Protein backbone atom coordinates (compact mmCIF):
# COMPACT_ATOMS: atom_id res chain seq x y z
CA MET A 1 0.00 0.00 0.00
CA LYS A 2 1.44 3.39 -0.97
CA LYS A 3 1.98 5.75 1.94
CA GLN A 4 -0.15 8.87 1.53
CA ILE A 5 -0.59 11.12 4.55
CA VAL A 6 -3.26 13.82 4.46
CA CYS A 7 -3.99 16.76 6.75
CA ILE A 8 -6.49 19.61 6.53
CA ASN A 9 -6.17 23.23 7.61
CA TRP A 10 -8.73 26.02 7.62
CA GLY A 11 -8.91 29.35 9.42
CA THR A 12 -6.18 30.82 11.61
CA LYS A 13 -5.95 28.38 14.55
CA TYR A 14 -3.15 26.24 13.12
CA GLY A 15 -1.69 27.27 9.76
CA ALA A 16 1.74 26.65 8.28
CA PRO A 17 3.65 26.05 11.56
CA TYR A 18 1.39 23.11 12.42
CA ILE A 19 1.44 21.71 8.88
CA ASN A 20 5.24 21.89 8.82
CA ARG A 21 5.65 20.39 12.27
CA LEU A 22 3.35 17.48 11.44
CA TYR A 23 5.31 16.88 8.24
CA GLU A 24 8.55 16.69 10.23
CA MET A 25 7.02 14.29 12.78
CA VAL A 26 5.74 12.07 9.98
CA LYS A 27 9.10 12.16 8.20
CA ALA A 28 10.88 11.08 11.38
CA ASN A 29 8.50 8.16 11.97
CA ILE A 30 7.89 6.57 8.58
CA THR A 31 9.86 4.44 6.15
CA PRO A 32 10.10 6.20 2.78
CA PRO A 33 8.84 6.64 0.19
CA PHE A 34 5.80 8.59 1.32
CA ARG A 35 3.75 11.56 0.20
CA PHE A 36 2.48 14.28 2.54
CA VAL A 37 -0.54 16.25 1.34
CA ALA A 38 -2.21 19.30 2.90
CA PHE A 39 -5.64 20.58 1.93
CA THR A 40 -5.43 24.15 3.12
CA ASP A 41 -6.77 27.66 2.66
CA THR A 42 -3.26 29.12 2.95
CA ARG A 43 0.08 28.05 1.51
CA ASP A 44 2.13 30.92 2.91
CA GLY A 45 5.14 29.54 4.79
CA VAL A 46 4.35 25.89 4.09
CA ASN A 47 7.37 23.66 3.48
CA PRO A 48 7.69 23.06 -0.29
CA GLU A 49 8.07 19.34 0.41
CA VAL A 50 4.38 19.35 1.34
CA ASP A 51 2.00 18.94 -1.61
CA CYS A 52 -0.70 21.57 -1.10
CA PHE A 53 -4.20 21.61 -2.58
CA ASP A 54 -7.02 24.07 -2.09
CA LEU A 55 -9.72 23.06 0.37
CA PRO A 56 -12.41 20.94 -1.28
CA ASP A 57 -15.87 22.48 -1.29
CA MET A 58 -17.84 22.29 1.95
CA PRO A 59 -20.86 20.03 1.39
CA GLY A 60 -24.04 21.97 2.11
CA PHE A 61 -23.14 24.57 4.70
CA MET A 62 -21.30 24.77 8.00
CA PRO A 63 -23.78 23.91 10.76
CA GLU A 64 -24.18 26.20 13.77
CA ARG A 65 -24.34 25.41 17.48
CA THR A 66 -22.18 22.29 17.20
CA ILE A 67 -18.74 21.44 18.52
CA GLY A 68 -17.93 18.77 15.95
CA GLN A 69 -15.21 19.33 13.35
CA TRP A 70 -17.64 19.26 10.43
CA PRO A 71 -15.24 20.93 7.94
CA LYS A 72 -13.48 17.54 7.87
CA SER A 73 -16.44 16.42 5.75
CA ARG A 74 -14.67 18.12 2.83
CA LEU A 75 -12.36 15.08 2.70
CA TRP A 76 -15.26 12.70 2.08
CA ALA A 77 -15.46 13.92 -1.53
CA PRO A 78 -15.36 11.34 -4.35
CA VAL A 79 -12.46 13.27 -5.91
CA LEU A 80 -9.68 14.53 -3.64
CA GLY A 81 -6.94 16.45 -5.40
CA ASP A 82 -4.98 13.94 -7.45
CA LEU A 83 -5.06 11.24 -4.77
CA SER A 84 -6.21 7.71 -5.42
CA GLY A 85 -6.54 4.68 -3.18
CA PRO A 86 -6.13 4.64 0.61
CA PHE A 87 -4.75 7.61 2.53
CA LEU A 88 -3.94 8.13 6.20
CA PHE A 89 -5.48 11.28 7.65
CA VAL A 90 -3.74 12.83 10.68
CA ASP A 91 -4.89 15.83 12.71
CA LEU A 92 -2.48 18.75 12.90
CA ASP A 93 -2.40 18.73 16.71
CA VAL A 94 -1.00 15.29 17.51
CA ALA A 95 2.28 13.98 18.89
CA ILE A 96 3.77 11.07 16.95
CA THR A 97 5.61 8.71 19.30
CA GLY A 98 6.24 5.64 17.13
CA SER A 99 6.40 4.26 13.61
CA LEU A 100 3.48 5.02 11.30
CA ASP A 101 4.30 2.12 8.97
CA PRO A 102 1.82 -0.30 10.61
CA PHE A 103 -1.05 2.11 9.90
CA PHE A 104 -0.55 1.26 6.21
CA GLU A 105 -0.25 -2.48 6.80
CA PHE A 106 -3.28 -3.03 9.04
CA GLY A 107 -6.47 -4.56 7.64
CA SER A 108 -7.68 -4.32 4.05
CA PRO A 109 -6.94 -1.36 1.74
CA ASP A 110 -10.72 -1.00 1.36
CA ASP A 111 -11.34 -0.57 5.11
CA VAL A 112 -12.37 2.65 6.83
CA VAL A 113 -10.18 2.46 9.94
CA LEU A 114 -10.67 4.77 12.93
CA ALA A 115 -9.19 5.14 16.37
CA ARG A 116 -11.41 4.05 19.25
CA ASN A 117 -13.10 6.88 21.10
CA ALA A 118 -11.56 6.69 24.59
CA ALA A 119 -14.14 9.09 26.00
CA LYS A 120 -17.01 6.68 25.22
CA PRO A 121 -15.47 3.19 25.38
CA PHE A 122 -18.76 1.30 25.78
CA GLN A 123 -20.48 2.97 22.83
CA LYS A 124 -18.01 1.60 20.25
CA LEU A 125 -17.56 5.02 18.68
CA GLY A 126 -14.68 6.11 16.50
CA GLN A 127 -12.23 8.99 16.75
CA THR A 128 -11.11 10.67 13.51
CA SER A 129 -7.89 12.28 14.72
CA ILE A 130 -6.12 9.58 12.74
CA TYR A 131 -7.99 7.40 10.26
CA ARG A 132 -7.41 5.60 6.98
CA MET A 133 -9.78 5.14 4.07
CA PRO A 134 -9.79 4.95 0.27
CA VAL A 135 -10.58 8.18 -1.56
CA GLY A 136 -14.33 8.45 -1.97
CA ALA A 137 -15.22 5.73 0.57
CA LEU A 138 -17.38 8.21 2.51
CA ALA A 139 -18.83 10.05 -0.49
CA PRO A 140 -22.36 8.76 0.36
CA LEU A 141 -21.99 10.40 3.78
CA GLN A 142 -21.12 13.68 2.12
CA ASP A 143 -24.41 13.50 0.21
CA MET A 144 -26.32 12.68 3.41
CA PHE A 145 -24.71 15.57 5.24
CA ALA A 146 -25.17 18.06 2.40
CA ALA A 147 -28.92 17.27 2.31
CA ASP A 148 -29.39 18.49 5.91
CA PRO A 149 -26.16 19.75 7.53
CA GLN A 150 -27.83 21.21 10.61
CA GLY A 151 -30.02 18.19 11.17
CA VAL A 152 -27.10 15.78 10.90
CA ALA A 153 -24.95 17.92 13.21
CA ASP A 154 -27.76 18.24 15.77
CA LYS A 155 -28.29 14.47 15.79
CA TYR A 156 -24.68 13.32 15.91
CA ARG A 157 -22.89 16.40 17.34
CA PHE A 158 -19.47 15.10 16.22
CA GLU A 159 -18.57 14.24 12.65
CA GLN A 160 -16.72 11.15 13.90
CA HIS A 161 -19.93 9.78 15.43
CA PHE A 162 -21.66 10.30 12.09
CA VAL A 163 -18.87 8.41 10.32
CA THR A 164 -18.91 5.56 12.84
CA LYS A 165 -22.65 5.01 12.50
CA ASN A 166 -23.03 5.51 8.76
CA ALA A 167 -19.84 4.49 6.92
CA PRO A 168 -20.79 2.10 4.08
CA GLY A 169 -19.72 -1.38 5.16
CA GLY A 170 -18.98 -0.18 8.70
CA VAL A 171 -15.69 0.81 10.29
CA VAL A 172 -12.68 -1.02 11.70
CA PHE A 173 -10.65 0.16 14.70
CA TRP A 174 -6.89 0.40 15.10
CA PRO A 175 -5.38 -1.91 17.71
CA ASP A 176 -6.13 -0.49 21.15
CA ASN A 177 -2.61 0.58 22.09
CA TRP A 178 -1.67 2.40 18.87
CA VAL A 179 -3.56 5.66 19.52
CA SER A 180 -3.77 7.23 22.98
CA HIS A 181 -5.90 10.13 24.21
CA PHE A 182 -3.63 12.49 26.16
CA ARG A 183 -6.06 13.62 28.83
CA ILE A 184 -7.77 10.26 29.35
CA GLU A 185 -4.94 7.78 28.87
CA CYS A 186 -1.65 9.62 29.47
CA ILE A 187 -2.27 11.64 32.64
CA PRO A 188 -1.90 9.57 35.86
CA ARG A 189 -5.12 9.14 37.82
CA PHE A 190 -5.80 11.40 40.79
CA PRO A 191 -3.97 11.86 43.12
CA LEU A 192 -0.91 10.51 41.25
CA ASN A 193 -1.24 13.32 38.70
CA TYR A 194 0.05 15.70 41.39
CA PHE A 195 3.28 13.72 41.74
CA MET A 196 3.91 11.99 38.41
CA GLU A 197 4.28 13.35 34.90
CA SER A 198 2.07 12.18 32.08
CA ARG A 199 3.40 9.53 29.73
CA PRO A 200 2.02 7.66 26.72
CA PRO A 201 1.04 4.04 27.42
CA LYS A 202 3.37 1.34 26.12
CA GLY A 203 2.93 0.69 22.41
CA THR A 204 1.48 4.14 21.63
CA ARG A 205 2.29 5.40 18.16
CA VAL A 206 0.19 8.58 18.08
CA VAL A 207 -1.09 10.70 20.96
CA ILE A 208 -4.20 12.75 20.20
CA PHE A 209 -5.25 15.93 21.98
CA ALA A 210 -9.02 15.89 21.66
CA GLY A 211 -11.25 18.50 23.26
CA ALA A 212 -10.19 21.93 24.48
CA LEU A 213 -6.54 20.95 24.63
CA ASN A 214 -3.55 21.35 22.33
CA PRO A 215 0.06 20.08 22.56
CA PRO A 216 1.31 23.53 23.68
CA ASP A 217 -1.26 23.38 26.51
CA ALA A 218 0.08 19.99 27.58
CA ILE A 219 3.64 21.30 27.41
CA ALA A 220 2.66 24.22 29.66
CA GLY A 221 0.83 21.94 32.10
CA ARG A 222 -2.69 23.17 31.36
CA TYR A 223 -5.47 20.61 31.66
CA ASN A 224 -7.47 22.65 29.17
CA LYS A 225 -7.45 26.17 27.79
CA ARG A 226 -9.62 27.41 30.69
CA THR A 227 -7.30 26.10 33.39
CA PRO A 228 -3.92 27.82 33.82
CA HIS A 229 -1.00 25.84 35.17
CA LEU A 230 -0.39 26.70 38.80
CA PRO A 231 1.63 25.16 41.64
CA PRO A 232 -0.36 22.31 43.24
CA LEU A 233 -1.63 24.21 46.28
CA SER A 234 -2.56 27.24 44.18
CA HIS A 235 -4.38 24.94 41.78
CA ILE A 236 -6.40 23.44 44.63
CA ARG A 237 -7.25 26.87 46.06
CA ARG A 238 -8.43 28.03 42.64
CA ALA A 239 -10.52 24.89 42.21
CA LEU A 240 -12.20 25.39 45.57
CA GLN A 241 -13.42 28.79 44.37
CA GLY A 242 -15.22 27.26 41.40
CA GLU A 243 -18.62 25.60 41.14
CA GLN A 244 -17.29 22.10 40.40
CA LYS A 245 -14.73 21.93 43.18
CA TRP A 246 -13.92 18.22 43.12
CA LYS A 247 -13.70 18.13 39.33
CA GLY A 248 -11.43 21.17 39.39
CA ILE A 249 -9.12 19.61 41.98
CA ARG A 250 -8.72 16.48 39.84
CA GLN A 251 -7.91 18.53 36.72
CA TYR A 252 -4.23 18.99 37.44
CA VAL A 253 -1.40 17.98 35.14
CA LYS A 254 2.33 18.47 35.27
CA PRO A 255 4.03 19.98 32.21
CA ALA A 256 4.47 17.26 29.58
CA LEU A 257 8.19 17.44 28.89
CA TRP A 258 8.04 14.47 26.53
CA VAL A 259 5.59 16.35 24.32
CA LYS A 260 7.95 19.33 24.35
CA GLU A 261 10.81 17.08 23.22
CA ILE A 262 8.77 15.75 20.30
CA TRP A 263 7.49 19.23 19.46
CA ASP A 264 11.01 20.71 19.53
CA GLN A 265 12.56 17.90 17.50
CA ALA A 266 10.00 18.46 14.75
CA SER A 267 11.98 21.45 13.55
CA VAL A 268 9.76 24.16 12.15
CA TYR A 269 10.40 25.00 8.52
CA SER A 270 11.49 28.56 7.83
CA PRO A 271 10.72 30.05 4.39
CA GLU A 272 14.22 31.50 4.42
CA VAL A 273 15.73 27.99 4.55
CA THR A 274 15.87 26.33 1.15
CA LYS A 275 15.65 22.60 0.63
CA ALA A 276 19.36 22.60 -0.30
CA ASP A 277 20.23 24.16 3.05
CA LYS A 278 18.31 21.59 5.11
């Protein structure tokens, strides 16, 4: 199976620095040859080794009042740039901790393969931070969504739930230990989180940062964007002033130095540096 890695970027939250950093993480954790493709609304500052395409059209319209990443539905199109066959989609805000080669060897090339949703383990739902599928495999879902974007979003909330429940032929899940959810699976359980740093479980290849959390937040020791990193006693005092005191007390995390190491090693491309200088 040819190794095609795809990412998508829209708006101003991520941009070229995240595209470039993901490219470097992929490059460091894959056996060549491979192709890295970005569907993006900006190409300014993107490493020329990344193949960039304009964003595919949004099916229907962008629903309101939903927290799902519905712009990802653009990638369900029957035609996707000049790609053909299976591709591995990876979110821009992940930390790659092991080889990506097995993601291209697992299952059948015709499978739609998702990560398991660690937040809802008993509902057998998928997580689309890293998934593999053939181009066009979810085109029927794009038609379903385009017919009633708001209705679909209101029913499923998250685009990954919609995919899990409606993918033609169903979905397959990666082996349990390949993809880990930072907040759920990497942070030690209370009260150990006050004394021990987070770490990815053994066998993890990709760590995802779902929800209101980003790798820079983990590096800074923020449980989420609403919770600043404070010394333990200050964190507890702050939590006791909130409405959900016990929940706030448990939401403590030490700075993730291992994420910082991965983030720093994925050297950020500078437009001033040519490919010959690298």
